[in-house]
N, C-alpha and C. Protein backbone atom coordinates (compact mmCIF):
# COMPACT_ATOMS: atom_id res chain seq x y z
N MET A 1 43.24 -71.14 19.74
CA MET A 1 43.08 -70.83 18.50
C MET A 1 41.51 -70.60 18.79
N GLN A 2 40.55 -69.83 18.15
CA GLN A 2 39.09 -69.86 18.51
C GLN A 2 38.25 -68.77 17.02
N LYS A 3 37.61 -69.28 16.70
CA LYS A 3 36.55 -68.59 15.94
C LYS A 3 35.67 -67.68 16.72
N ILE A 4 35.40 -66.75 16.20
CA ILE A 4 34.69 -65.58 16.83
C ILE A 4 34.00 -64.92 15.75
N PRO A 5 33.07 -64.37 16.32
CA PRO A 5 31.89 -63.00 15.11
C PRO A 5 32.39 -61.70 14.95
N LEU A 6 33.21 -61.72 14.39
CA LEU A 6 33.71 -60.31 14.27
C LEU A 6 32.90 -58.97 15.43
N ASN A 7 31.86 -59.26 15.59
CA ASN A 7 31.33 -58.17 16.26
C ASN A 7 31.87 -58.37 17.75
N LEU A 8 32.58 -59.12 18.75
CA LEU A 8 32.88 -59.77 19.54
C LEU A 8 34.44 -59.45 19.44
N ALA A 9 35.53 -59.33 18.51
CA ALA A 9 36.84 -59.50 18.07
C ALA A 9 36.77 -57.63 19.06
N LYS A 10 37.91 -57.89 19.90
CA LYS A 10 38.58 -56.48 20.24
C LYS A 10 40.23 -56.35 20.22
N GLU A 11 40.29 -54.80 20.01
CA GLU A 11 41.71 -54.36 19.81
C GLU A 11 42.69 -55.09 20.71
N GLY A 12 43.57 -55.69 20.38
CA GLY A 12 44.92 -56.29 20.94
C GLY A 12 44.84 -57.34 20.58
N MET A 13 43.39 -58.42 19.99
CA MET A 13 43.64 -59.82 19.50
C MET A 13 44.62 -59.97 18.98
N VAL A 14 44.83 -61.32 18.56
CA VAL A 14 46.14 -61.39 17.63
C VAL A 14 45.47 -62.75 16.60
N LEU A 15 45.38 -62.49 15.37
CA LEU A 15 44.64 -63.40 14.20
C LEU A 15 45.46 -64.89 14.28
N ALA A 16 44.79 -65.66 14.87
CA ALA A 16 45.26 -66.97 14.39
C ALA A 16 45.36 -67.76 12.67
N LYS A 17 44.33 -67.30 12.08
CA LYS A 17 44.46 -67.89 10.81
C LYS A 17 44.40 -65.89 9.97
N PRO A 18 45.01 -66.66 8.54
CA PRO A 18 44.47 -65.20 8.08
C PRO A 18 43.23 -64.91 7.44
N VAL A 19 42.95 -63.53 7.42
CA VAL A 19 41.15 -63.38 6.94
C VAL A 19 41.34 -63.08 5.74
N LEU A 20 40.69 -64.59 5.18
CA LEU A 20 40.75 -64.67 3.81
C LEU A 20 39.25 -63.87 2.83
N ARG A 21 38.98 -63.21 1.95
CA ARG A 21 38.25 -63.08 0.84
C ARG A 21 37.52 -64.75 0.24
N ASP A 22 36.20 -64.67 -0.27
CA ASP A 22 35.75 -65.87 -0.40
C ASP A 22 36.57 -66.56 -2.24
N ASN A 23 37.10 -65.71 -2.54
CA ASN A 23 38.11 -66.41 -3.75
C ASN A 23 39.27 -66.42 -3.05
N GLY A 24 39.57 -66.63 -1.68
CA GLY A 24 40.78 -66.99 -1.29
C GLY A 24 41.97 -65.93 -1.12
N LEU A 25 41.69 -64.79 -1.64
CA LEU A 25 42.61 -63.81 -1.75
C LEU A 25 42.52 -63.46 0.08
N VAL A 26 43.76 -62.97 0.44
CA VAL A 26 44.37 -62.42 1.65
C VAL A 26 43.98 -61.40 2.19
N LEU A 27 43.02 -61.00 3.37
CA LEU A 27 42.84 -59.58 3.43
C LEU A 27 43.47 -59.32 4.06
N VAL A 28 44.04 -60.04 5.54
CA VAL A 28 44.92 -60.03 7.12
C VAL A 28 45.85 -60.63 7.07
N ALA A 29 46.81 -60.82 7.30
CA ALA A 29 47.80 -62.03 7.37
C ALA A 29 47.90 -62.66 9.04
N GLN A 30 47.82 -63.91 8.94
CA GLN A 30 47.85 -64.46 10.26
C GLN A 30 49.21 -63.63 11.24
N GLY A 31 49.08 -63.59 12.29
CA GLY A 31 49.66 -63.28 13.27
C GLY A 31 49.65 -61.57 13.58
N THR A 32 48.31 -60.68 12.69
CA THR A 32 48.10 -59.03 12.62
C THR A 32 47.65 -59.22 14.08
N GLU A 33 48.06 -58.40 14.98
CA GLU A 33 47.34 -57.48 15.91
C GLU A 33 45.76 -56.45 15.39
N LEU A 34 44.61 -57.05 15.82
CA LEU A 34 43.60 -56.84 15.80
C LEU A 34 43.31 -54.80 16.29
N SER A 35 43.10 -53.75 15.48
CA SER A 35 43.45 -52.40 15.85
C SER A 35 41.60 -52.22 15.65
N SER A 36 41.18 -50.96 16.44
CA SER A 36 39.94 -50.66 16.01
C SER A 36 39.71 -49.79 14.73
N SER A 37 40.51 -49.78 13.66
CA SER A 37 40.37 -49.12 12.55
C SER A 37 40.34 -50.53 11.48
N LEU A 38 41.08 -51.30 11.72
CA LEU A 38 41.12 -52.79 11.04
C LEU A 38 39.94 -53.44 10.96
N LEU A 39 39.20 -53.52 12.63
CA LEU A 39 37.87 -54.14 12.63
C LEU A 39 36.96 -53.14 11.79
N GLU A 40 37.19 -52.24 12.15
CA GLU A 40 35.69 -51.26 11.10
C GLU A 40 35.81 -51.67 9.31
N ARG A 41 37.19 -52.08 9.12
CA ARG A 41 37.60 -52.27 7.74
C ARG A 41 37.02 -53.55 7.28
N LEU A 42 37.27 -54.63 8.50
CA LEU A 42 36.67 -55.70 7.73
C LEU A 42 35.34 -55.72 7.94
N GLU A 43 34.19 -54.88 9.07
CA GLU A 43 33.00 -54.69 8.98
C GLU A 43 32.55 -54.35 7.68
N ARG A 44 33.34 -53.46 6.73
CA ARG A 44 32.68 -52.70 6.19
C ARG A 44 32.76 -53.92 4.50
N MET A 45 33.39 -54.77 4.99
CA MET A 45 34.26 -55.60 3.72
C MET A 45 33.24 -56.91 4.27
N ASP A 46 31.83 -56.76 4.84
CA ASP A 46 31.78 -58.46 5.46
C ASP A 46 32.08 -59.34 6.15
N VAL A 47 32.89 -58.92 6.68
CA VAL A 47 33.61 -60.26 7.21
C VAL A 47 32.91 -60.63 8.16
N ASP A 48 32.33 -61.87 8.22
CA ASP A 48 31.55 -62.09 9.41
C ASP A 48 32.05 -62.72 10.80
N LYS A 49 33.42 -63.31 10.46
CA LYS A 49 34.08 -63.76 11.70
C LYS A 49 35.69 -64.11 11.66
N VAL A 50 36.35 -64.04 12.67
CA VAL A 50 38.23 -64.19 12.60
C VAL A 50 38.35 -65.31 13.66
N VAL A 51 39.56 -65.70 13.01
CA VAL A 51 40.29 -67.00 14.07
C VAL A 51 41.44 -66.07 15.15
N VAL A 52 41.37 -66.28 16.36
CA VAL A 52 42.07 -65.17 17.23
C VAL A 52 43.01 -66.34 18.19
N GLU A 53 44.25 -65.74 18.41
CA GLU A 53 44.75 -67.00 19.60
C GLU A 53 44.03 -66.98 20.70
N GLY A 54 44.00 -68.51 21.36
CA GLY A 54 43.70 -68.27 22.49
C GLY A 54 42.50 -68.26 22.59
N ASN A 55 41.39 -68.90 23.52
CA ASN A 55 40.26 -68.70 23.28
C ASN A 55 39.45 -67.30 24.60
N PRO A 56 40.00 -66.37 24.07
CA PRO A 56 39.43 -64.65 24.63
C PRO A 56 37.88 -64.81 24.93
N VAL A 57 37.03 -65.33 23.84
CA VAL A 57 35.01 -65.43 24.29
C VAL A 57 35.14 -66.72 24.66
N ASP A 58 33.85 -66.45 25.56
CA ASP A 58 32.95 -67.72 26.23
C ASP A 58 32.30 -67.48 25.09
N LEU A 59 31.49 -68.64 24.90
CA LEU A 59 30.52 -68.70 23.33
C LEU A 59 29.73 -69.59 24.07
N ASP A 60 29.82 -69.95 24.95
CA ASP A 60 29.02 -71.21 25.40
C ASP A 60 27.36 -70.24 26.46
N GLY A 61 27.60 -69.17 26.88
CA GLY A 61 26.85 -68.43 27.69
C GLY A 61 25.64 -67.70 26.33
N ALA A 62 24.62 -66.54 27.14
CA ALA A 62 23.80 -66.30 26.35
C ALA A 62 24.71 -65.31 24.63
N ALA A 63 25.95 -65.24 24.70
CA ALA A 63 26.30 -64.23 23.71
C ALA A 63 26.41 -65.65 22.26
N GLY A 64 26.33 -66.01 22.08
CA GLY A 64 26.08 -67.28 21.15
C GLY A 64 26.57 -68.78 21.67
N GLY A 65 27.08 -69.41 20.27
CA GLY A 65 27.36 -70.97 20.78
C GLY A 65 25.99 -71.69 21.47
N THR A 66 25.16 -71.13 20.93
CA THR A 66 23.68 -72.50 21.73
C THR A 66 23.65 -73.06 19.95
N GLU A 67 22.94 -74.24 20.44
CA GLU A 67 22.55 -75.03 19.63
C GLU A 67 21.60 -74.57 18.44
N TYR A 68 21.24 -73.47 18.69
CA TYR A 68 20.51 -72.50 17.95
C TYR A 68 20.60 -71.81 16.81
N THR A 69 22.27 -71.37 17.23
CA THR A 69 23.13 -70.42 16.49
C THR A 69 23.98 -71.04 15.91
N THR A 70 24.41 -72.44 16.40
CA THR A 70 25.26 -73.06 15.44
C THR A 70 24.39 -73.60 14.38
N ARG A 71 23.44 -74.13 14.66
CA ARG A 71 22.66 -74.64 13.23
C ARG A 71 22.40 -73.34 12.09
N ILE A 72 22.10 -72.35 12.65
CA ILE A 72 22.61 -71.05 11.89
C ILE A 72 23.32 -70.92 10.97
N GLU A 73 24.70 -70.97 11.55
CA GLU A 73 26.16 -70.89 10.86
C GLU A 73 26.19 -72.06 10.01
N ARG A 74 25.43 -73.24 10.25
CA ARG A 74 25.75 -74.13 9.33
C ARG A 74 24.86 -74.68 8.05
N LEU A 75 23.81 -73.15 8.27
CA LEU A 75 22.63 -73.37 6.90
C LEU A 75 23.78 -73.33 5.71
N ASP A 76 24.23 -72.50 5.52
CA ASP A 76 24.92 -71.86 4.31
C ASP A 76 25.67 -73.35 3.46
N HIS A 77 26.59 -73.82 4.67
CA HIS A 77 26.86 -74.86 4.08
C HIS A 77 26.19 -75.95 3.90
N LEU A 78 25.27 -76.34 4.44
CA LEU A 78 24.00 -77.26 3.75
C LEU A 78 23.58 -77.38 3.08
N PHE A 79 23.40 -76.26 2.34
CA PHE A 79 22.17 -75.68 1.40
C PHE A 79 23.49 -75.21 0.39
N ARG A 80 24.21 -75.82 0.26
CA ARG A 80 25.55 -74.99 -0.97
C ARG A 80 25.49 -75.14 -2.29
N LYS A 81 24.63 -76.59 -2.57
CA LYS A 81 24.31 -77.18 -3.74
C LYS A 81 23.08 -77.01 -4.48
N PHE A 82 22.52 -76.01 -3.55
CA PHE A 82 21.07 -76.06 -3.87
C PHE A 82 20.58 -74.21 -4.13
N GLN A 83 21.80 -73.61 -4.24
CA GLN A 83 22.34 -72.60 -4.56
C GLN A 83 21.02 -71.57 -5.72
N ALA A 84 21.36 -71.87 -6.76
CA ALA A 84 20.51 -71.46 -7.75
C ALA A 84 18.68 -72.48 -7.98
N ASP A 85 18.24 -73.28 -6.74
CA ASP A 85 17.07 -73.69 -6.81
C ASP A 85 16.19 -72.51 -5.56
N PRO A 86 14.95 -71.77 -6.30
CA PRO A 86 14.28 -70.95 -5.33
C PRO A 86 13.82 -71.34 -4.25
N TRP A 87 13.09 -72.51 -4.51
CA TRP A 87 12.31 -73.56 -2.74
C TRP A 87 13.38 -73.94 -2.05
N MET A 88 14.33 -74.30 -2.53
CA MET A 88 15.78 -74.60 -1.62
C MET A 88 16.14 -73.27 -0.96
N ASN A 89 15.77 -72.37 -1.87
CA ASN A 89 16.65 -70.92 -0.85
C ASN A 89 15.53 -70.20 0.06
N GLN A 90 14.45 -70.57 -0.34
CA GLN A 90 13.15 -70.43 0.22
C GLN A 90 13.02 -71.12 1.75
N LEU A 91 13.46 -72.58 1.96
CA LEU A 91 13.38 -72.87 2.86
C LEU A 91 14.55 -72.81 3.99
N LYS A 92 16.06 -72.81 3.44
CA LYS A 92 16.99 -72.35 3.89
C LYS A 92 16.24 -70.74 4.69
N GLU A 93 15.93 -69.62 4.18
CA GLU A 93 15.70 -68.56 4.56
C GLU A 93 14.67 -68.55 5.87
N ASP A 94 13.60 -69.72 5.89
CA ASP A 94 12.77 -69.85 6.47
C ASP A 94 13.43 -70.72 7.75
N LEU A 95 14.36 -71.74 7.48
CA LEU A 95 14.97 -72.57 8.84
C LEU A 95 15.89 -71.30 9.39
N ARG A 96 16.21 -70.17 8.86
CA ARG A 96 16.80 -69.20 9.60
C ARG A 96 16.42 -68.35 10.43
N ASN A 97 15.30 -68.21 9.94
CA ASN A 97 14.18 -67.26 10.67
C ASN A 97 13.36 -68.01 12.14
N TYR A 98 13.53 -69.82 11.65
CA TYR A 98 12.99 -70.39 12.66
C TYR A 98 13.69 -70.03 14.11
N PHE A 99 15.20 -70.81 13.43
CA PHE A 99 16.49 -70.70 14.35
C PHE A 99 16.54 -69.21 14.91
N GLN A 100 16.69 -67.67 14.04
CA GLN A 100 17.05 -66.88 15.13
C GLN A 100 16.02 -66.64 16.02
N VAL A 101 14.65 -67.22 15.83
CA VAL A 101 13.36 -66.82 16.82
C VAL A 101 13.77 -67.45 17.83
N LYS A 102 14.07 -68.53 17.74
CA LYS A 102 14.41 -70.41 18.93
C LYS A 102 15.57 -69.88 19.86
N ALA A 103 16.96 -69.25 19.05
CA ALA A 103 18.08 -68.67 19.44
C ALA A 103 17.73 -67.43 21.10
N ALA A 104 16.69 -66.37 20.22
CA ALA A 104 16.88 -65.52 20.69
C ALA A 104 15.40 -66.16 22.09
N ALA A 105 15.06 -66.84 21.73
CA ALA A 105 14.27 -67.05 22.89
C ALA A 105 15.16 -68.16 23.88
N GLN A 106 15.90 -68.49 23.30
CA GLN A 106 16.64 -69.37 24.63
C GLN A 106 17.54 -68.31 24.70
N ALA A 107 18.25 -67.43 24.44
CA ALA A 107 19.17 -66.46 25.19
C ALA A 107 18.32 -65.51 26.28
N ALA A 108 17.37 -65.57 25.91
CA ALA A 108 16.51 -64.51 26.60
C ALA A 108 16.10 -65.46 28.11
N ALA A 109 15.90 -66.45 27.96
CA ALA A 109 15.91 -67.57 28.94
C ALA A 109 17.03 -67.59 29.73
N LEU A 110 18.25 -67.93 29.00
CA LEU A 110 19.71 -67.95 29.92
C LEU A 110 19.33 -66.77 30.93
N ALA A 111 19.45 -65.17 30.04
CA ALA A 111 19.33 -64.11 31.08
C ALA A 111 18.87 -63.82 32.13
N GLU A 112 16.92 -64.82 31.34
CA GLU A 112 16.30 -64.69 32.82
C GLU A 112 16.83 -65.27 34.37
N GLN A 113 17.51 -66.72 33.54
CA GLN A 113 17.92 -68.03 34.88
C GLN A 113 19.27 -66.62 35.66
N GLU A 114 19.79 -65.90 34.71
CA GLU A 114 20.99 -65.21 35.74
C GLU A 114 20.39 -64.14 36.13
N ALA A 115 19.66 -63.70 35.59
CA ALA A 115 19.00 -62.59 36.72
C ALA A 115 18.13 -63.49 38.35
N GLU A 116 17.71 -64.03 38.14
CA GLU A 116 17.47 -65.04 38.83
C GLU A 116 18.33 -65.28 40.46
N ALA A 117 19.27 -65.96 39.23
CA ALA A 117 20.26 -66.67 40.61
C ALA A 117 20.75 -65.39 41.01
N GLN A 118 20.96 -64.30 40.34
CA GLN A 118 21.73 -62.78 40.92
C GLN A 118 21.04 -62.26 41.88
N GLU A 119 19.53 -62.88 41.68
CA GLU A 119 18.56 -61.77 42.74
C GLU A 119 18.79 -62.89 44.07
N ALA A 120 18.89 -64.02 43.78
CA ALA A 120 19.01 -64.84 45.01
C ALA A 120 20.08 -64.84 45.61
N ALA A 121 21.21 -64.70 45.22
CA ALA A 121 22.71 -64.08 45.62
C ALA A 121 22.27 -63.56 46.58
N GLN A 122 21.94 -62.05 45.52
CA GLN A 122 22.20 -60.83 46.76
C GLN A 122 20.53 -60.96 48.00
N GLY A 123 19.96 -61.68 47.55
CA GLY A 123 18.71 -62.14 49.05
C GLY A 123 19.96 -62.49 50.38
N GLU A 124 20.72 -63.81 49.81
CA GLU A 124 21.49 -64.25 50.82
C GLU A 124 22.70 -63.22 51.34
N GLU A 125 22.93 -62.63 50.92
CA GLU A 125 23.74 -61.72 51.20
C GLU A 125 23.35 -60.98 52.19
N GLU A 126 22.23 -60.55 52.29
CA GLU A 126 21.86 -59.41 53.13
C GLU A 126 20.90 -59.98 54.83
């Protein structure tokens, strides 16, 4: 079972948990196979993540799962008691922006390392 961003979900994956609205209403039942039309509908309903069977996506690489992307995902939970406080909302948004910049820099550094490793491997083959 793996919780993945909706944009990484593909046709044919099977939901390990139901997709719920914020109020607990079931949108899609557990065990449902994802189709392109269902993925489009979930995107229109602003669903961010789904839980699918198995571990189909490697989230340890540049695609996500970095220390900073994990922090971004936790912000809403950490600030949940301060939704009415404008100062805390501003702090949350500032932190979100900071972590997004750091996550992008980290992903770029990883991509650069992978490109250098590929170039080195190609150089050894020749």
